[in-house]
Amino acid sequence: MCYIKQLRIIGFKKFKDLTVTFNPNKNIIIGENEAGKSTILEALNIVLNQQYRNSDKSILHDLMNKDNIKNFEDDPSFENLPSIKIEVIFELDSTDLKSSEFHGENSLNPKE
């Protein structure tokens, strides 16, 4: 069975660093208003559909974590430059011939 095993979001909207591990069968995302449920789905959409690839770059400020932006404004250095990183890790069925098409070259966790 192929499924999304894990999602990691760094510096995207309200999340400084979030890791979500998914169940192989069914997942329900619940939480209070403004908890980040839609942001999790938006992050998946960005990765799976390359949603922001050709969009207007002026919206990037609204997508970046506000604390990271403030840190950069307080100390404008390369080390504090805000960025967005979203990684989706799949659990793939090795018997499926198409699973070889899914591979990552830039993992946020180099040991994987």
PDB file of N, CA and C in Angstrom:
ATOM      1  N   MET A   1       0.831  -1.174   0.000  1.00  0.00           N
ATOM      2  CA  MET A   1       0.000   0.000   0.000  1.00  0.00           C
ATOM      3  C   MET A   1       0.883   1.248   0.000  1.00  0.00           C
ATOM      4  N   CYS A   2       0.559   2.202  -0.836  1.00  0.00           N
ATOM      5  CA  CYS A   2       1.269   3.474  -0.881  1.00  0.00           C
ATOM      6  C   CYS A   2       0.453   4.516  -0.122  1.00  0.00           C
ATOM      7  N   TYR A   3       1.134   5.293   0.706  1.00  0.00           N
ATOM      8  CA  TYR A   3       0.438   6.356   1.431  1.00  0.00           C
ATOM      9  C   TYR A   3       1.436   7.415   1.871  1.00  0.00           C
ATOM     10  N   ILE A   4       0.899   8.561   2.266  1.00  0.00           N
ATOM     11  CA  ILE A   4       1.747   9.619   2.814  1.00  0.00           C
ATOM     12  C   ILE A   4       2.059   9.228   4.252  1.00  0.00           C
ATOM     13  N   LYS A   5       3.311   9.018   4.521  1.00  0.00           N
ATOM     14  CA  LYS A   5       3.754   8.563   5.833  1.00  0.00           C
ATOM     15  C   LYS A   5       3.967   9.741   6.788  1.00  0.00           C
ATOM     16  N   GLN A   6       4.561  10.812   6.274  1.00  0.00           N
ATOM     17  CA  GLN A   6       4.913  11.923   7.149  1.00  0.00           C
ATOM     18  C   GLN A   6       4.971  13.229   6.357  1.00  0.00           C
ATOM     19  N   LEU A   7       4.660  14.311   7.044  1.00  0.00           N
ATOM     20  CA  LEU A   7       4.748  15.653   6.487  1.00  0.00           C
ATOM     21  C   LEU A   7       5.552  16.494   7.455  1.00  0.00           C
ATOM     22  N   ARG A   8       6.515  17.235   6.928  1.00  0.00           N
ATOM     23  CA  ARG A   8       7.295  18.158   7.752  1.00  0.00           C
ATOM     24  C   ARG A   8       7.189  19.546   7.141  1.00  0.00           C
ATOM     25  N   ILE A   9       6.828  20.506   7.985  1.00  0.00           N
ATOM     26  CA  ILE A   9       6.646  21.889   7.562  1.00  0.00           C
ATOM     27  C   ILE A   9       7.582  22.755   8.403  1.00  0.00           C
ATOM     28  N   ILE A  10       8.415  23.545   7.735  1.00  0.00           N
ATOM     29  CA  ILE A  10       9.323  24.462   8.423  1.00  0.00           C
ATOM     30  C   ILE A  10       9.125  25.860   7.836  1.00  0.00           C
ATOM     31  N   GLY A  11       8.771  26.814   8.714  1.00  0.00           N
ATOM     32  CA  GLY A  11       8.691  28.211   8.314  1.00  0.00           C
ATOM     33  C   GLY A  11       7.508  28.582   7.448  1.00  0.00           C
ATOM     34  N   PHE A  12       6.485  27.757   7.413  1.00  0.00           N
ATOM     35  CA  PHE A  12       5.310  28.022   6.577  1.00  0.00           C
ATOM     36  C   PHE A  12       4.153  28.478   7.457  1.00  0.00           C
ATOM     37  N   LYS A  13       3.719  29.701   7.218  1.00  0.00           N
ATOM     38  CA  LYS A  13       2.617  30.319   7.948  1.00  0.00           C
ATOM     39  C   LYS A  13       2.851  30.216   9.447  1.00  0.00           C
ATOM     40  N   LYS A  14       1.951  29.592  10.188  1.00  0.00           N
ATOM     41  CA  LYS A  14       2.057  29.595  11.645  1.00  0.00           C
ATOM     42  C   LYS A  14       3.077  28.568  12.182  1.00  0.00           C
ATOM     43  N   PHE A  15       3.584  27.695  11.305  1.00  0.00           N
ATOM     44  CA  PHE A  15       4.441  26.618  11.773  1.00  0.00           C
ATOM     45  C   PHE A  15       5.924  26.946  11.616  1.00  0.00           C
ATOM     46  N   LYS A  16       6.617  27.005  12.744  1.00  0.00           N
ATOM     47  CA  LYS A  16       8.076  27.157  12.695  1.00  0.00           C
ATOM     48  C   LYS A  16       8.700  25.818  12.309  1.00  0.00           C
ATOM     49  N   ASP A  17       8.228  24.736  12.937  1.00  0.00           N
ATOM     50  CA  ASP A  17       8.722  23.392  12.635  1.00  0.00           C
ATOM     51  C   ASP A  17       7.685  22.393  13.135  1.00  0.00           C
ATOM     52  N   LEU A  18       7.020  21.739  12.218  1.00  0.00           N
ATOM     53  CA  LEU A  18       5.970  20.782  12.559  1.00  0.00           C
ATOM     54  C   LEU A  18       6.201  19.495  11.785  1.00  0.00           C
ATOM     55  N   THR A  19       6.071  18.382  12.476  1.00  0.00           N
ATOM     56  CA  THR A  19       6.106  17.070  11.820  1.00  0.00           C
ATOM     57  C   THR A  19       4.801  16.356  12.139  1.00  0.00           C
ATOM     58  N   VAL A  20       4.122  15.877  11.102  1.00  0.00           N
ATOM     59  CA  VAL A  20       2.881  15.127  11.253  1.00  0.00           C
ATOM     60  C   VAL A  20       3.127  13.738  10.690  1.00  0.00           C
ATOM     61  N   THR A  21       2.848  12.722  11.495  1.00  0.00           N
ATOM     62  CA  THR A  21       2.959  11.343  11.040  1.00  0.00           C
ATOM     63  C   THR A  21       1.545  10.822  10.799  1.00  0.00           C
ATOM     64  N   PHE A  22       1.334  10.260   9.615  1.00  0.00           N
ATOM     65  CA  PHE A  22       0.006   9.819   9.218  1.00  0.00           C
ATOM     66  C   PHE A  22      -0.168   8.324   9.423  1.00  0.00           C
ATOM     67  N   ASN A  23      -1.416   7.931   9.625  1.00  0.00           N
ATOM     68  CA  ASN A  23      -1.813   6.543   9.733  1.00  0.00           C
ATOM     69  C   ASN A  23      -1.983   5.990   8.328  1.00  0.00           C
ATOM     70  N   PRO A  24      -1.592   4.763   8.064  1.00  0.00           N
ATOM     71  CA  PRO A  24      -1.713   4.232   6.702  1.00  0.00           C
ATOM     72  C   PRO A  24      -3.165   4.050   6.234  1.00  0.00           C
ATOM     73  N   ASN A  25      -4.113   4.005   7.147  1.00  0.00           N
ATOM     74  CA  ASN A  25      -5.497   3.717   6.756  1.00  0.00           C
ATOM     75  C   ASN A  25      -6.371   4.959   6.629  1.00  0.00           C
ATOM     76  N   LYS A  26      -6.470   5.733   7.689  1.00  0.00           N
ATOM     77  CA  LYS A  26      -7.368   6.884   7.673  1.00  0.00           C
ATOM     78  C   LYS A  26      -6.851   7.932   8.641  1.00  0.00           C
ATOM     79  N   ASN A  27      -6.975   9.206   8.243  1.00  0.00           N
ATOM     80  CA  ASN A  27      -6.531  10.311   9.087  1.00  0.00           C
ATOM     81  C   ASN A  27      -7.611  11.375   9.130  1.00  0.00           C
ATOM     82  N   ILE A  28      -7.838  11.905  10.321  1.00  0.00           N
ATOM     83  CA  ILE A  28      -8.783  12.991  10.507  1.00  0.00           C
ATOM     84  C   ILE A  28      -8.028  14.111  11.202  1.00  0.00           C
ATOM     85  N   ILE A  29      -8.050  15.290  10.591  1.00  0.00           N
ATOM     86  CA  ILE A  29      -7.352  16.443  11.161  1.00  0.00           C
ATOM     87  C   ILE A  29      -8.386  17.299  11.872  1.00  0.00           C
ATOM     88  N   ILE A  30      -8.252  17.415  13.201  1.00  0.00           N
ATOM     89  CA  ILE A  30      -9.186  18.211  13.977  1.00  0.00           C
ATOM     90  C   ILE A  30      -8.426  19.238  14.798  1.00  0.00           C
ATOM     91  N   GLY A  31      -9.112  20.296  15.176  1.00  0.00           N
ATOM     92  CA  GLY A  31      -8.501  21.316  16.011  1.00  0.00           C
ATOM     93  C   GLY A  31      -9.354  22.565  16.043  1.00  0.00           C
ATOM     94  N   GLU A  32      -8.994  23.467  16.921  1.00  0.00           N
ATOM     95  CA  GLU A  32      -9.686  24.747  17.050  1.00  0.00           C
ATOM     96  C   GLU A  32      -9.514  25.565  15.775  1.00  0.00           C
ATOM     97  N   ASN A  33     -10.321  26.615  15.663  1.00  0.00           N
ATOM     98  CA  ASN A  33     -10.141  27.570  14.569  1.00  0.00           C
ATOM     99  C   ASN A  33      -8.744  28.166  14.647  1.00  0.00           C
ATOM    100  N   GLU A  34      -8.124  28.371  13.494  1.00  0.00           N
ATOM    101  CA  GLU A  34      -6.776  28.950  13.396  1.00  0.00           C
ATOM    102  C   GLU A  34      -5.681  28.063  13.998  1.00  0.00           C
ATOM    103  N   ALA A  35      -5.959  26.764  14.151  1.00  0.00           N
ATOM    104  CA  ALA A  35      -4.961  25.841  14.704  1.00  0.00           C
ATOM    105  C   ALA A  35      -3.950  25.389  13.653  1.00  0.00           C
ATOM    106  N   GLY A  36      -4.311  25.500  12.359  1.00  0.00           N
ATOM    107  CA  GLY A  36      -3.400  25.120  11.298  1.00  0.00           C
ATOM    108  C   GLY A  36      -3.853  23.941  10.461  1.00  0.00           C
ATOM    109  N   LYS A  37      -5.097  23.521  10.621  1.00  0.00           N
ATOM    110  CA  LYS A  37      -5.606  22.380   9.842  1.00  0.00           C
ATOM    111  C   LYS A  37      -5.528  22.649   8.346  1.00  0.00           C
ATOM    112  N   SER A  38      -6.018  23.801   7.934  1.00  0.00           N
ATOM    113  CA  SER A  38      -5.990  24.147   6.506  1.00  0.00           C
ATOM    114  C   SER A  38      -4.567  24.353   6.007  1.00  0.00           C
ATOM    115  N   THR A  39      -3.698  24.835   6.868  1.00  0.00           N
ATOM    116  CA  THR A  39      -2.297  25.033   6.486  1.00  0.00           C
ATOM    117  C   THR A  39      -1.620  23.696   6.204  1.00  0.00           C
ATOM    118  N   ILE A  40      -1.955  22.678   6.966  1.00  0.00           N
ATOM    119  CA  ILE A  40      -1.415  21.332   6.716  1.00  0.00           C
ATOM    120  C   ILE A  40      -1.859  20.852   5.334  1.00  0.00           C
ATOM    121  N   LEU A  41      -3.131  21.021   5.026  1.00  0.00           N
ATOM    122  CA  LEU A  41      -3.644  20.601   3.714  1.00  0.00           C
ATOM    123  C   LEU A  41      -3.047  21.448   2.591  1.00  0.00           C
ATOM    124  N   GLU A  42      -2.853  22.739   2.847  1.00  0.00           N
ATOM    125  CA  GLU A  42      -2.241  23.611   1.845  1.00  0.00           C
ATOM    126  C   GLU A  42      -0.793  23.203   1.573  1.00  0.00           C
ATOM    127  N   ALA A  43      -0.069  22.837   2.625  1.00  0.00           N
ATOM    128  CA  ALA A  43       1.319  22.387   2.448  1.00  0.00           C
ATOM    129  C   ALA A  43       1.375  21.123   1.592  1.00  0.00           C
ATOM    130  N   LEU A  44       0.469  20.192   1.845  1.00  0.00           N
ATOM    131  CA  LEU A  44       0.411  18.984   1.008  1.00  0.00           C
ATOM    132  C   LEU A  44       0.088  19.339  -0.436  1.00  0.00           C
ATOM    133  N   ASN A  45      -0.830  20.263  -0.627  1.00  0.00           N
ATOM    134  CA  ASN A  45      -1.208  20.688  -1.969  1.00  0.00           C
ATOM    135  C   ASN A  45      -0.031  21.340  -2.697  1.00  0.00           C
ATOM    136  N   ILE A  46       0.729  22.144  -1.984  1.00  0.00           N
ATOM    137  CA  ILE A  46       1.898  22.796  -2.596  1.00  0.00           C
ATOM    138  C   ILE A  46       2.873  21.753  -3.126  1.00  0.00           C
ATOM    139  N   VAL A  47       3.166  20.752  -2.305  1.00  0.00           N
ATOM    140  CA  VAL A  47       4.146  19.734  -2.707  1.00  0.00           C
ATOM    141  C   VAL A  47       3.595  18.828  -3.803  1.00  0.00           C
ATOM    142  N   LEU A  48       2.395  18.350  -3.616  1.00  0.00           N
ATOM    143  CA  LEU A  48       1.860  17.367  -4.555  1.00  0.00           C
ATOM    144  C   LEU A  48       1.460  17.970  -5.892  1.00  0.00           C
ATOM    145  N   ASN A  49       1.070  19.242  -5.889  1.00  0.00           N
ATOM    146  CA  ASN A  49       0.609  19.871  -7.125  1.00  0.00           C
ATOM    147  C   ASN A  49       1.485  21.026  -7.580  1.00  0.00           C
ATOM    148  N   GLN A  50       2.574  21.269  -6.898  1.00  0.00           N
ATOM    149  CA  GLN A  50       3.491  22.375  -7.217  1.00  0.00           C
ATOM    150  C   GLN A  50       2.706  23.671  -7.390  1.00  0.00           C
ATOM    151  N   GLN A  51       1.805  23.917  -6.452  1.00  0.00           N
ATOM    152  CA  GLN A  51       0.850  25.012  -6.531  1.00  0.00           C
ATOM    153  C   GLN A  51       1.495  26.385  -6.661  1.00  0.00           C
ATOM    154  N   TYR A  52       2.560  26.678  -5.937  1.00  0.00           N
ATOM    155  CA  TYR A  52       3.133  28.017  -5.921  1.00  0.00           C
ATOM    156  C   TYR A  52       4.278  28.211  -6.905  1.00  0.00           C
ATOM    157  N   ARG A  53       4.581  27.246  -7.685  1.00  0.00           N
ATOM    158  CA  ARG A  53       5.730  27.315  -8.583  1.00  0.00           C
ATOM    159  C   ARG A  53       5.680  28.531  -9.502  1.00  0.00           C
ATOM    160  N   ASN A  54       4.547  28.817 -10.093  1.00  0.00           N
ATOM    161  CA  ASN A  54       4.439  29.920 -11.040  1.00  0.00           C
ATOM    162  C   ASN A  54       3.595  31.078 -10.518  1.00  0.00           C
ATOM    163  N   SER A  55       3.390  31.131  -9.212  1.00  0.00           N
ATOM    164  CA  SER A  55       2.525  32.182  -8.677  1.00  0.00           C
ATOM    165  C   SER A  55       3.311  33.467  -8.436  1.00  0.00           C
ATOM    166  N   ASP A  56       2.584  34.508  -8.139  1.00  0.00           N
ATOM    167  CA  ASP A  56       3.154  35.824  -7.878  1.00  0.00           C
ATOM    168  C   ASP A  56       4.030  35.758  -6.625  1.00  0.00           C
ATOM    169  N   LYS A  57       5.286  36.104  -6.756  1.00  0.00           N
ATOM    170  CA  LYS A  57       6.237  35.999  -5.643  1.00  0.00           C
ATOM    171  C   LYS A  57       5.973  37.031  -4.544  1.00  0.00           C
ATOM    172  N   SER A  58       5.117  38.037  -4.811  1.00  0.00           N
ATOM    173  CA  SER A  58       4.818  39.045  -3.799  1.00  0.00           C
ATOM    174  C   SER A  58       4.030  38.462  -2.626  1.00  0.00           C
ATOM    175  N   ILE A  59       3.427  37.288  -2.797  1.00  0.00           N
ATOM    176  CA  ILE A  59       2.669  36.685  -1.702  1.00  0.00           C
ATOM    177  C   ILE A  59       3.553  35.902  -0.733  1.00  0.00           C
ATOM    178  N   LEU A  60       4.824  35.741  -1.046  1.00  0.00           N
ATOM    179  CA  LEU A  60       5.711  34.961  -0.180  1.00  0.00           C
ATOM    180  C   LEU A  60       5.751  35.492   1.245  1.00  0.00           C
ATOM    181  N   HIS A  61       5.705  36.803   1.407  1.00  0.00           N
ATOM    182  CA  HIS A  61       5.730  37.394   2.743  1.00  0.00           C
ATOM    183  C   HIS A  61       4.571  36.870   3.593  1.00  0.00           C
ATOM    184  N   ASP A  62       3.414  36.671   2.976  1.00  0.00           N
ATOM    185  CA  ASP A  62       2.241  36.172   3.698  1.00  0.00           C
ATOM    186  C   ASP A  62       2.335  34.686   4.011  1.00  0.00           C
ATOM    187  N   LEU A  63       3.183  33.971   3.302  1.00  0.00           N
ATOM    188  CA  LEU A  63       3.315  32.525   3.505  1.00  0.00           C
ATOM    189  C   LEU A  63       4.371  32.166   4.537  1.00  0.00           C
ATOM    190  N   MET A  64       5.294  33.084   4.782  1.00  0.00           N
ATOM    191  CA  MET A  64       6.399  32.792   5.703  1.00  0.00           C
ATOM    192  C   MET A  64       5.978  32.994   7.152  1.00  0.00           C
ATOM    193  N   ASN A  65       6.595  32.243   8.030  1.00  0.00           N
ATOM    194  CA  ASN A  65       6.335  32.332   9.452  1.00  0.00           C
ATOM    195  C   ASN A  65       6.681  33.731   9.955  1.00  0.00           C
ATOM    196  N   LYS A  66       5.747  34.363  10.633  1.00  0.00           N
ATOM    197  CA  LYS A  66       5.909  35.759  11.090  1.00  0.00           C
ATOM    198  C   LYS A  66       7.064  35.913  12.071  1.00  0.00           C
ATOM    199  N   ASP A  67       7.282  34.932  12.948  1.00  0.00           N
ATOM    200  CA  ASP A  67       8.404  35.002  13.898  1.00  0.00           C
ATOM    201  C   ASP A  67       9.739  34.967  13.159  1.00  0.00           C
ATOM    202  N   ASN A  68       9.817  34.148  12.102  1.00  0.00           N
ATOM    203  CA  ASN A  68      11.054  34.077  11.320  1.00  0.00           C
ATOM    204  C   ASN A  68      11.327  35.396  10.597  1.00  0.00           C
ATOM    205  N   ILE A  69      10.270  36.030  10.117  1.00  0.00           N
ATOM    206  CA  ILE A  69      10.433  37.337   9.461  1.00  0.00           C
ATOM    207  C   ILE A  69      10.923  38.366  10.459  1.00  0.00           C
ATOM    208  N   LYS A  70      10.328  38.370  11.663  1.00  0.00           N
ATOM    209  CA  LYS A  70      10.740  39.330  12.698  1.00  0.00           C
ATOM    210  C   LYS A  70      12.187  39.103  13.109  1.00  0.00           C
ATOM    211  N   ASN A  71      12.586  37.843  13.257  1.00  0.00           N
ATOM    212  CA  ASN A  71      13.991  37.538  13.598  1.00  0.00           C
ATOM    213  C   ASN A  71      14.936  38.112  12.556  1.00  0.00           C
ATOM    214  N   PHE A  72      14.554  38.002  11.297  1.00  0.00           N
ATOM    215  CA  PHE A  72      15.397  38.538  10.224  1.00  0.00           C
ATOM    216  C   PHE A  72      15.427  40.065  10.258  1.00  0.00           C
ATOM    217  N   GLU A  73      14.273  40.678  10.494  1.00  0.00           N
ATOM    218  CA  GLU A  73      14.223  42.143  10.563  1.00  0.00           C
ATOM    219  C   GLU A  73      15.060  42.667  11.727  1.00  0.00           C
ATOM    220  N   ASP A  74      15.057  41.940  12.863  1.00  0.00           N
ATOM    221  CA  ASP A  74      15.846  42.335  14.029  1.00  0.00           C
ATOM    222  C   ASP A  74      17.345  42.128  13.813  1.00  0.00           C
ATOM    223  N   ASP A  75      17.681  41.086  13.061  1.00  0.00           N
ATOM    224  CA  ASP A  75      19.088  40.765  12.802  1.00  0.00           C
ATOM    225  C   ASP A  75      19.214  40.278  11.359  1.00  0.00           C
ATOM    226  N   PRO A  76      19.282  41.217  10.395  1.00  0.00           N
ATOM    227  CA  PRO A  76      19.316  40.810   8.981  1.00  0.00           C
ATOM    228  C   PRO A  76      20.649  40.171   8.597  1.00  0.00           C
ATOM    229  N   SER A  77      20.669  38.861   8.674  1.00  0.00           N
ATOM    230  CA  SER A  77      21.867  38.119   8.296  1.00  0.00           C
ATOM    231  C   SER A  77      21.441  36.898   7.491  1.00  0.00           C
ATOM    232  N   PHE A  78      22.391  36.317   6.790  1.00  0.00           N
ATOM    233  CA  PHE A  78      22.109  35.141   5.967  1.00  0.00           C
ATOM    234  C   PHE A  78      21.547  34.004   6.823  1.00  0.00           C
ATOM    235  N   GLU A  79      22.077  33.851   8.037  1.00  0.00           N
ATOM    236  CA  GLU A  79      21.639  32.779   8.930  1.00  0.00           C
ATOM    237  C   GLU A  79      20.177  32.941   9.349  1.00  0.00           C
ATOM    238  N   ASN A  80      19.688  34.189   9.391  1.00  0.00           N
ATOM    239  CA  ASN A  80      18.313  34.447   9.815  1.00  0.00           C
ATOM    240  C   ASN A  80      17.343  34.641   8.655  1.00  0.00           C
ATOM    241  N   LEU A  81      17.810  34.449   7.459  1.00  0.00           N
ATOM    242  CA  LEU A  81      16.968  34.635   6.283  1.00  0.00           C
ATOM    243  C   LEU A  81      15.790  33.651   6.345  1.00  0.00           C
ATOM    244  N   PRO A  82      14.556  34.162   6.320  1.00  0.00           N
ATOM    245  CA  PRO A  82      13.401  33.250   6.413  1.00  0.00           C
ATOM    246  C   PRO A  82      13.281  32.371   5.176  1.00  0.00           C
ATOM    247  N   SER A  83      12.828  31.163   5.389  1.00  0.00           N
ATOM    248  CA  SER A  83      12.613  30.237   4.279  1.00  0.00           C
ATOM    249  C   SER A  83      11.434  29.336   4.601  1.00  0.00           C
ATOM    250  N   ILE A  84      10.936  28.690   3.582  1.00  0.00           N
ATOM    251  CA  ILE A  84       9.857  27.716   3.727  1.00  0.00           C
ATOM    252  C   ILE A  84      10.371  26.382   3.202  1.00  0.00           C
ATOM    253  N   LYS A  85      10.208  25.352   4.024  1.00  0.00           N
ATOM    254  CA  LYS A  85      10.580  23.999   3.604  1.00  0.00           C
ATOM    255  C   LYS A  85       9.410  23.076   3.927  1.00  0.00           C
ATOM    256  N   ILE A  86       8.998  22.329   2.922  1.00  0.00           N
ATOM    257  CA  ILE A  86       7.916  21.368   3.098  1.00  0.00           C
ATOM    258  C   ILE A  86       8.383  20.045   2.508  1.00  0.00           C
ATOM    259  N   GLU A  87       8.304  19.018   3.314  1.00  0.00           N
ATOM    260  CA  GLU A  87       8.741  17.697   2.856  1.00  0.00           C
ATOM    261  C   GLU A  87       7.629  16.681   3.100  1.00  0.00           C
ATOM    262  N   VAL A  88       7.346  15.881   2.094  1.00  0.00           N
ATOM    263  CA  VAL A  88       6.371  14.796   2.212  1.00  0.00           C
ATOM    264  C   VAL A  88       7.124  13.490   2.028  1.00  0.00           C
ATOM    265  N   ILE A  89       6.932  12.591   2.969  1.00  0.00           N
ATOM    266  CA  ILE A  89       7.571  11.270   2.900  1.00  0.00           C
ATOM    267  C   ILE A  89       6.486  10.233   2.638  1.00  0.00           C
ATOM    268  N   PHE A  90       6.694   9.436   1.616  1.00  0.00           N
ATOM    269  CA  PHE A  90       5.736   8.406   1.233  1.00  0.00           C
ATOM    270  C   PHE A  90       6.198   7.042   1.715  1.00  0.00           C
ATOM    271  N   GLU A  91       5.261   6.193   2.016  1.00  0.00           N
ATOM    272  CA  GLU A  91       5.513   4.773   2.214  1.00  0.00           C
ATOM    273  C   GLU A  91       5.067   4.130   0.915  1.00  0.00           C
ATOM    274  N   LEU A  92       6.007   3.548   0.186  1.00  0.00           N
ATOM    275  CA  LEU A  92       5.698   3.030  -1.145  1.00  0.00           C
ATOM    276  C   LEU A  92       5.669   1.511  -1.158  1.00  0.00           C
ATOM    277  N   ASP A  93       4.853   0.993  -2.037  1.00  0.00           N
ATOM    278  CA  ASP A  93       4.764  -0.439  -2.263  1.00  0.00           C
ATOM    279  C   ASP A  93       5.852  -0.820  -3.262  1.00  0.00           C
ATOM    280  N   SER A  94       6.833  -1.567  -2.817  1.00  0.00           N
ATOM    281  CA  SER A  94       7.967  -1.912  -3.682  1.00  0.00           C
ATOM    282  C   SER A  94       7.563  -2.807  -4.853  1.00  0.00           C
ATOM    283  N   THR A  95       6.396  -3.418  -4.785  1.00  0.00           N
ATOM    284  CA  THR A  95       5.951  -4.262  -5.900  1.00  0.00           C
ATOM    285  C   THR A  95       5.271  -3.442  -6.998  1.00  0.00           C
ATOM    286  N   ASP A  96       4.943  -2.210  -6.695  1.00  0.00           N
ATOM    287  CA  ASP A  96       4.323  -1.324  -7.691  1.00  0.00           C
ATOM    288  C   ASP A  96       5.424  -0.748  -8.581  1.00  0.00           C
ATOM    289  N   LEU A  97       5.338  -0.993  -9.883  1.00  0.00           N
ATOM    290  CA  LEU A  97       6.376  -0.550 -10.811  1.00  0.00           C
ATOM    291  C   LEU A  97       6.524   0.972 -10.827  1.00  0.00           C
ATOM    292  N   LYS A  98       5.457   1.700 -10.572  1.00  0.00           N
ATOM    293  CA  LYS A  98       5.513   3.169 -10.597  1.00  0.00           C
ATOM    294  C   LYS A  98       6.167   3.753  -9.345  1.00  0.00           C
ATOM    295  N   SER A  99       6.374   2.956  -8.319  1.00  0.00           N
ATOM    296  CA  SER A  99       6.973   3.485  -7.086  1.00  0.00           C
ATOM    297  C   SER A  99       8.393   3.982  -7.315  1.00  0.00           C
ATOM    298  N   SER A 100       9.060   3.488  -8.339  1.00  0.00           N
ATOM    299  CA  SER A 100      10.425   3.948  -8.627  1.00  0.00           C
ATOM    300  C   SER A 100      10.445   5.392  -9.114  1.00  0.00           C
ATOM    301  N   GLU A 101       9.270   5.915  -9.546  1.00  0.00           N
ATOM    302  CA  GLU A 101       9.188   7.302 -10.008  1.00  0.00           C
ATOM    303  C   GLU A 101       9.236   8.296  -8.855  1.00  0.00           C
ATOM    304  N   PHE A 102       8.995   7.829  -7.643  1.00  0.00           N
ATOM    305  CA  PHE A 102       8.997   8.686  -6.464  1.00  0.00           C
ATOM    306  C   PHE A 102      10.323   8.525  -5.740  1.00  0.00           C
ATOM    307  N   HIS A 103      11.104   9.552  -5.793  1.00  0.00           N
ATOM    308  CA  HIS A 103      12.369   9.513  -5.076  1.00  0.00           C
ATOM    309  C   HIS A 103      12.736  10.940  -4.694  1.00  0.00           C
ATOM    310  N   GLY A 104      13.449  11.088  -3.608  1.00  0.00           N
ATOM    311  CA  GLY A 104      13.839  12.418  -3.159  1.00  0.00           C
ATOM    312  C   GLY A 104      15.344  12.573  -3.186  1.00  0.00           C
ATOM    313  N   GLU A 105      15.757  13.749  -3.529  1.00  0.00           N
ATOM    314  CA  GLU A 105      17.181  14.041  -3.574  1.00  0.00           C
ATOM    315  C   GLU A 105      17.582  15.081  -2.537  1.00  0.00           C
ATOM    316  N   ASN A 106      16.594  15.742  -1.941  1.00  0.00           N
ATOM    317  CA  ASN A 106      16.891  16.843  -1.021  1.00  0.00           C
ATOM    318  C   ASN A 106      16.127  16.688   0.277  1.00  0.00           C
ATOM    319  N   SER A 107      16.332  15.598   0.940  1.00  0.00           N
ATOM    320  CA  SER A 107      15.630  15.335   2.194  1.00  0.00           C
ATOM    321  C   SER A 107      16.045  16.304   3.281  1.00  0.00           C
ATOM    322  N   LEU A 108      15.077  16.733   4.095  1.00  0.00           N
ATOM    323  CA  LEU A 108      15.391  17.596   5.234  1.00  0.00           C
ATOM    324  C   LEU A 108      16.164  16.824   6.296  1.00  0.00           C
ATOM    325  N   ASN A 109      16.040  15.502   6.262  1.00  0.00           N
ATOM    326  CA  ASN A 109      16.734  14.643   7.208  1.00  0.00           C
ATOM    327  C   ASN A 109      17.673  13.744   6.412  1.00  0.00           C
ATOM    328  N   PRO A 110      18.940  14.154   6.224  1.00  0.00           N
ATOM    329  CA  PRO A 110      19.847  13.455   5.306  1.00  0.00           C
ATOM    330  C   PRO A 110      20.049  11.980   5.583  1.00  0.00           C
ATOM    331  N   LYS A 111      19.765  11.512   6.798  1.00  0.00           N
ATOM    332  CA  LYS A 111      19.995  10.092   7.095  1.00  0.00           C
ATOM    333  C   LYS A 111      18.976   9.185   6.435  1.00  0.00           C
ATOM    334  N   GLU A 112      17.873   9.751   5.920  1.00  0.00           N
ATOM    335  CA  GLU A 112      16.846   8.923   5.278  1.00  0.00           C
ATOM    336  C   GLU A 112      17.071   8.817   3.792  1.00  0.00           C
TER     337      GLU A 112
END
